Amino acid sequence: MSPWLTQAAIDGGGFGSFAWRIPFLVAIPMGVIGWYIRKAIADTPNFTKLKEEGGLSKNPLKEAFQSAEHRRAMVLALFIPLMNGSGYYVLFSYMPTFLKGKQLNFTIGEALFITACSLVVICIAIPFMGALSDRIGRKKVIAGSAIAMTILGIPSYALIATGNMGLAILGASIMAIVFAGHTAVIHILIVELFPPGFATPPTASATTSPPRSSAEPLRC
């Protein structure tokens, strides 16, 4: 939303000559908070125990390529994020450009508003998709998201292409809900592909914490 909120000021000159910097300044305290969370996160008991017992990998890279299971995990970790990148681009990066194109003629403010609505929807949907993955497994959620995006992607864009604000928000929101099934689990899924001994301390908490079958997402 920040480009929309500062656009009028930028076009007006004066204050607008540096107004575009405001969102970047606002992001500074967010970066500090993120750094604190990153430094303050504690290792899980399982990882700490492995570390004390000397069970951590001495040469993770070498051991990863020596094991067929780990090579398979690295291939999966390489290709699974492809949907995440393409989905994010289609839904959030390309969407404003598509909306303000000549055929639809949404203003930049309307285009960013529609995109912002989809961001709100995905933020709400992600915790529910994460909870669902805890119950039925990461593989089912992420595969279901991929299938649903394949089926609903074109109809959702058809709603957006009507040029109606309400239908455009609906179409973008549908894709956001579907995409939440992927983005909610992809990072923990990739971490869980590898055993705790290969994890760095920040990711070990995610690797060793779930005491359930979904901790092995591609075997459930």
Protein backbone atom coordinates (compact mmCIF):
# COMPACT_ATOMS: atom_id res chain seq x y z
CA MET A 1 0.00 0.00 0.00
CA SER A 2 2.89 2.40 0.59
CA PRO A 3 3.37 3.37 -3.10
CA TRP A 4 -0.33 4.26 -3.29
CA LEU A 5 -0.23 6.33 -0.10
CA THR A 6 2.77 8.36 -1.23
CA GLN A 7 1.96 8.67 -4.95
CA ALA A 8 0.00 11.92 -4.66
CA ALA A 9 2.74 13.49 -2.54
CA ILE A 10 5.45 12.45 -4.97
CA ASP A 11 3.57 13.88 -7.93
CA GLY A 12 2.98 17.14 -6.09
CA GLY A 13 6.65 17.96 -5.55
CA GLY A 14 7.96 19.63 -2.39
CA PHE A 15 7.40 17.13 0.39
CA GLY A 16 6.87 14.55 -2.31
CA SER A 17 10.48 14.85 -3.45
CA PHE A 18 11.49 12.60 -0.57
CA ALA A 19 8.12 11.09 0.42
CA TRP A 20 8.96 7.82 -1.30
CA ARG A 21 11.65 7.25 1.33
CA ILE A 22 9.12 7.11 4.18
CA PRO A 23 8.17 3.42 3.73
CA PHE A 24 11.85 2.47 3.83
CA LEU A 25 12.35 4.40 7.08
CA VAL A 26 9.30 2.71 8.59
CA ALA A 27 10.86 -0.66 7.71
CA ILE A 28 13.95 0.01 9.88
CA PRO A 29 12.31 -0.86 13.24
CA MET A 30 10.76 -3.93 11.61
CA GLY A 31 14.24 -5.06 10.65
CA VAL A 32 15.44 -4.57 14.22
CA ILE A 33 12.54 -6.65 15.53
CA GLY A 34 13.32 -9.40 13.00
CA TRP A 35 16.99 -9.38 14.03
CA TYR A 36 16.01 -9.69 17.71
CA ILE A 37 13.71 -12.62 17.03
CA ARG A 38 16.45 -14.29 15.00
CA LYS A 39 18.99 -13.89 17.81
CA ALA A 40 16.65 -14.71 20.68
CA ILE A 41 15.17 -17.96 19.35
CA ALA A 42 16.27 -20.90 21.47
CA ASP A 43 17.36 -24.32 20.29
CA THR A 44 15.02 -27.22 21.02
CA PRO A 45 15.95 -29.82 23.65
CA ASN A 46 16.50 -32.43 20.93
CA PHE A 47 18.98 -30.26 19.06
CA THR A 48 20.75 -29.25 22.28
CA LYS A 49 21.05 -32.92 23.25
CA LEU A 50 22.51 -33.80 19.84
CA LYS A 51 25.00 -30.97 20.18
CA GLU A 52 26.09 -32.05 23.66
CA GLU A 53 26.47 -35.66 22.54
CA GLY A 54 28.45 -34.71 19.47
CA GLY A 55 25.71 -35.95 17.16
CA LEU A 56 25.79 -33.00 14.79
CA SER A 57 27.17 -33.49 11.33
CA LYS A 58 30.84 -32.57 11.07
CA ASN A 59 30.72 -32.03 7.32
CA PRO A 60 27.06 -31.62 6.28
CA LEU A 61 27.82 -30.89 2.63
CA LYS A 62 29.96 -34.00 2.17
CA GLU A 63 27.53 -36.26 4.04
CA ALA A 64 24.58 -34.84 2.12
CA PHE A 65 26.03 -35.84 -1.25
CA GLN A 66 27.11 -39.26 0.04
CA SER A 67 23.55 -40.25 1.01
CA ALA A 68 20.92 -41.08 -1.62
CA GLU A 69 18.20 -39.97 0.80
CA HIS A 70 19.84 -36.60 1.31
CA ARG A 71 20.43 -36.12 -2.41
CA ARG A 72 16.74 -36.75 -2.99
CA ALA A 73 15.91 -34.23 -0.27
CA MET A 74 18.13 -31.60 -1.90
CA VAL A 75 16.43 -32.12 -5.27
CA LEU A 76 13.03 -31.73 -3.61
CA ALA A 77 14.24 -28.64 -1.75
CA LEU A 78 15.29 -27.19 -5.10
CA PHE A 79 12.07 -27.82 -7.01
CA ILE A 80 9.35 -27.47 -4.36
CA PRO A 81 9.88 -23.67 -4.06
CA LEU A 82 9.23 -23.19 -7.79
CA MET A 83 5.49 -22.97 -7.20
CA ASN A 84 6.06 -20.57 -4.34
CA GLY A 85 8.06 -18.21 -6.54
CA SER A 86 5.68 -18.37 -9.49
CA GLY A 87 2.61 -18.11 -7.28
CA TYR A 88 3.97 -15.11 -5.42
CA TYR A 89 4.87 -13.40 -8.68
CA VAL A 90 1.48 -14.02 -10.32
CA LEU A 91 -0.54 -13.06 -7.26
CA PHE A 92 1.38 -10.13 -5.78
CA SER A 93 4.11 -8.86 -8.14
CA TYR A 94 2.45 -9.09 -11.56
CA MET A 95 -1.10 -8.44 -10.33
CA PRO A 96 -0.88 -4.61 -10.02
CA THR A 97 0.63 -4.40 -13.52
CA PHE A 98 -2.13 -6.61 -14.92
CA LEU A 99 -4.85 -4.61 -13.16
CA LYS A 100 -3.73 -1.21 -14.42
CA GLY A 101 -3.24 -2.44 -17.98
CA LYS A 102 -5.11 -0.88 -20.91
CA GLN A 103 -7.77 -3.60 -21.03
CA LEU A 104 -8.85 -3.26 -17.37
CA ASN A 105 -7.94 0.35 -16.70
CA PHE A 106 -7.85 0.15 -12.91
CA THR A 107 -5.99 3.07 -11.40
CA ILE A 108 -2.72 2.39 -9.58
CA GLY A 109 -4.51 3.00 -6.29
CA GLU A 110 -7.27 0.51 -7.13
CA ALA A 111 -4.75 -2.05 -8.38
CA LEU A 112 -2.73 -1.84 -5.17
CA PHE A 113 -5.90 -1.93 -3.08
CA ILE A 114 -6.98 -5.21 -4.72
CA THR A 115 -3.51 -6.64 -4.16
CA ALA A 116 -3.58 -5.45 -0.53
CA CYS A 117 -6.90 -7.24 -0.02
CA SER A 118 -5.35 -10.48 -1.24
CA LEU A 119 -2.42 -9.95 1.15
CA VAL A 120 -4.82 -9.57 4.07
CA VAL A 121 -6.65 -12.73 3.01
CA ILE A 122 -3.46 -14.80 2.74
CA CYS A 123 -2.28 -13.55 6.15
CA ILE A 124 -5.54 -14.81 7.65
CA ALA A 125 -5.46 -18.10 5.75
CA ILE A 126 -1.84 -19.09 6.46
CA PRO A 127 -2.35 -20.09 10.16
CA PHE A 128 -5.34 -22.25 9.21
CA MET A 129 -3.38 -23.98 6.46
CA GLY A 130 -0.50 -24.52 8.85
CA ALA A 131 -2.84 -26.09 11.42
CA LEU A 132 -4.34 -28.26 8.70
CA SER A 133 -0.88 -29.49 7.71
CA ASP A 134 -0.27 -30.49 11.34
CA ARG A 135 -3.35 -32.70 11.16
CA ILE A 136 -3.09 -34.28 7.72
CA GLY A 137 0.56 -33.74 6.76
CA ARG A 138 2.55 -31.22 4.75
CA LYS A 139 2.50 -33.25 1.54
CA LYS A 140 -1.28 -33.34 1.28
CA VAL A 141 -1.64 -29.62 1.93
CA ILE A 142 1.03 -28.50 -0.51
CA ALA A 143 -0.09 -30.95 -3.21
CA GLY A 144 -3.70 -29.88 -2.73
CA SER A 145 -2.65 -26.25 -3.06
CA ALA A 146 -0.84 -26.98 -6.34
CA ILE A 147 -3.82 -28.84 -7.78
CA ALA A 148 -6.27 -26.16 -6.63
CA MET A 149 -4.14 -23.39 -8.13
CA THR A 150 -4.06 -25.26 -11.45
CA ILE A 151 -7.85 -25.58 -11.45
CA LEU A 152 -8.81 -22.17 -10.03
CA GLY A 153 -6.08 -19.93 -11.45
CA ILE A 154 -7.77 -19.20 -14.80
CA PRO A 155 -11.31 -18.77 -13.36
CA SER A 156 -9.90 -16.41 -10.71
CA TYR A 157 -8.18 -14.31 -13.36
CA ALA A 158 -11.44 -14.36 -15.34
CA LEU A 159 -13.16 -12.73 -12.37
CA ILE A 160 -10.41 -10.14 -12.18
CA ALA A 161 -10.63 -9.50 -15.93
CA THR A 162 -14.27 -8.42 -15.64
CA GLY A 163 -13.00 -5.01 -14.57
CA ASN A 164 -15.38 -4.99 -11.61
CA MET A 165 -13.70 -4.05 -8.32
CA GLY A 166 -15.69 -6.49 -6.19
CA LEU A 167 -15.15 -9.44 -8.54
CA ALA A 168 -11.47 -8.57 -8.88
CA ILE A 169 -11.07 -8.67 -5.10
CA LEU A 170 -12.96 -11.98 -5.02
CA GLY A 171 -10.73 -13.52 -7.70
CA ALA A 172 -7.53 -12.33 -6.03
CA SER A 173 -8.77 -13.55 -2.64
CA ILE A 174 -9.56 -17.02 -4.00
CA MET A 175 -6.01 -17.34 -5.33
CA ALA A 176 -4.65 -16.03 -2.02
CA ILE A 177 -6.49 -18.72 -0.05
CA VAL A 178 -5.28 -21.43 -2.40
CA PHE A 179 -1.71 -20.13 -2.39
CA ALA A 180 -1.74 -20.01 1.43
CA GLY A 181 -1.71 -23.81 1.40
CA HIS A 182 1.72 -23.68 -0.19
CA THR A 183 3.35 -20.72 1.48
CA ALA A 184 2.18 -21.83 4.95
CA VAL A 185 4.14 -25.07 4.89
CA ILE A 186 6.96 -24.75 2.35
CA HIS A 187 9.63 -23.45 4.73
CA ILE A 188 9.01 -25.98 7.50
CA LEU A 189 8.63 -28.74 4.88
CA ILE A 190 12.07 -28.01 3.44
CA VAL A 191 13.65 -27.96 6.90
CA GLU A 192 11.97 -31.25 7.80
CA LEU A 193 13.45 -32.94 4.75
CA PHE A 194 16.76 -33.15 6.59
CA PRO A 195 17.60 -34.76 9.95
CA PRO A 196 18.29 -32.55 13.01
CA GLY A 197 22.01 -33.19 12.79
CA PHE A 198 22.12 -31.28 9.50
CA ALA A 199 20.15 -28.31 10.76
CA THR A 200 21.66 -25.03 11.82
CA PRO A 201 20.55 -23.85 15.29
CA PRO A 202 17.88 -21.40 14.02
CA THR A 203 16.18 -24.08 11.93
CA ALA A 204 16.67 -26.92 14.39
CA SER A 205 13.67 -25.78 16.41
CA ALA A 206 11.47 -26.28 13.38
CA THR A 207 13.11 -29.58 12.49
CA THR A 208 12.89 -31.32 15.83
CA SER A 209 9.80 -29.85 17.44
CA PRO A 210 6.80 -31.60 15.83
CA PRO A 211 6.23 -34.92 17.67
CA ARG A 212 3.89 -36.22 14.98
CA SER A 213 3.82 -38.03 11.67
CA SER A 214 3.72 -34.76 9.71
CA ALA A 215 7.30 -34.20 10.81
CA GLU A 216 8.09 -36.50 7.90
CA PRO A 217 6.04 -34.68 5.28
CA LEU A 218 6.96 -36.70 2.21
CA ARG A 219 6.36 -40.03 3.92
CA CYS A 220 2.89 -39.34 5.27
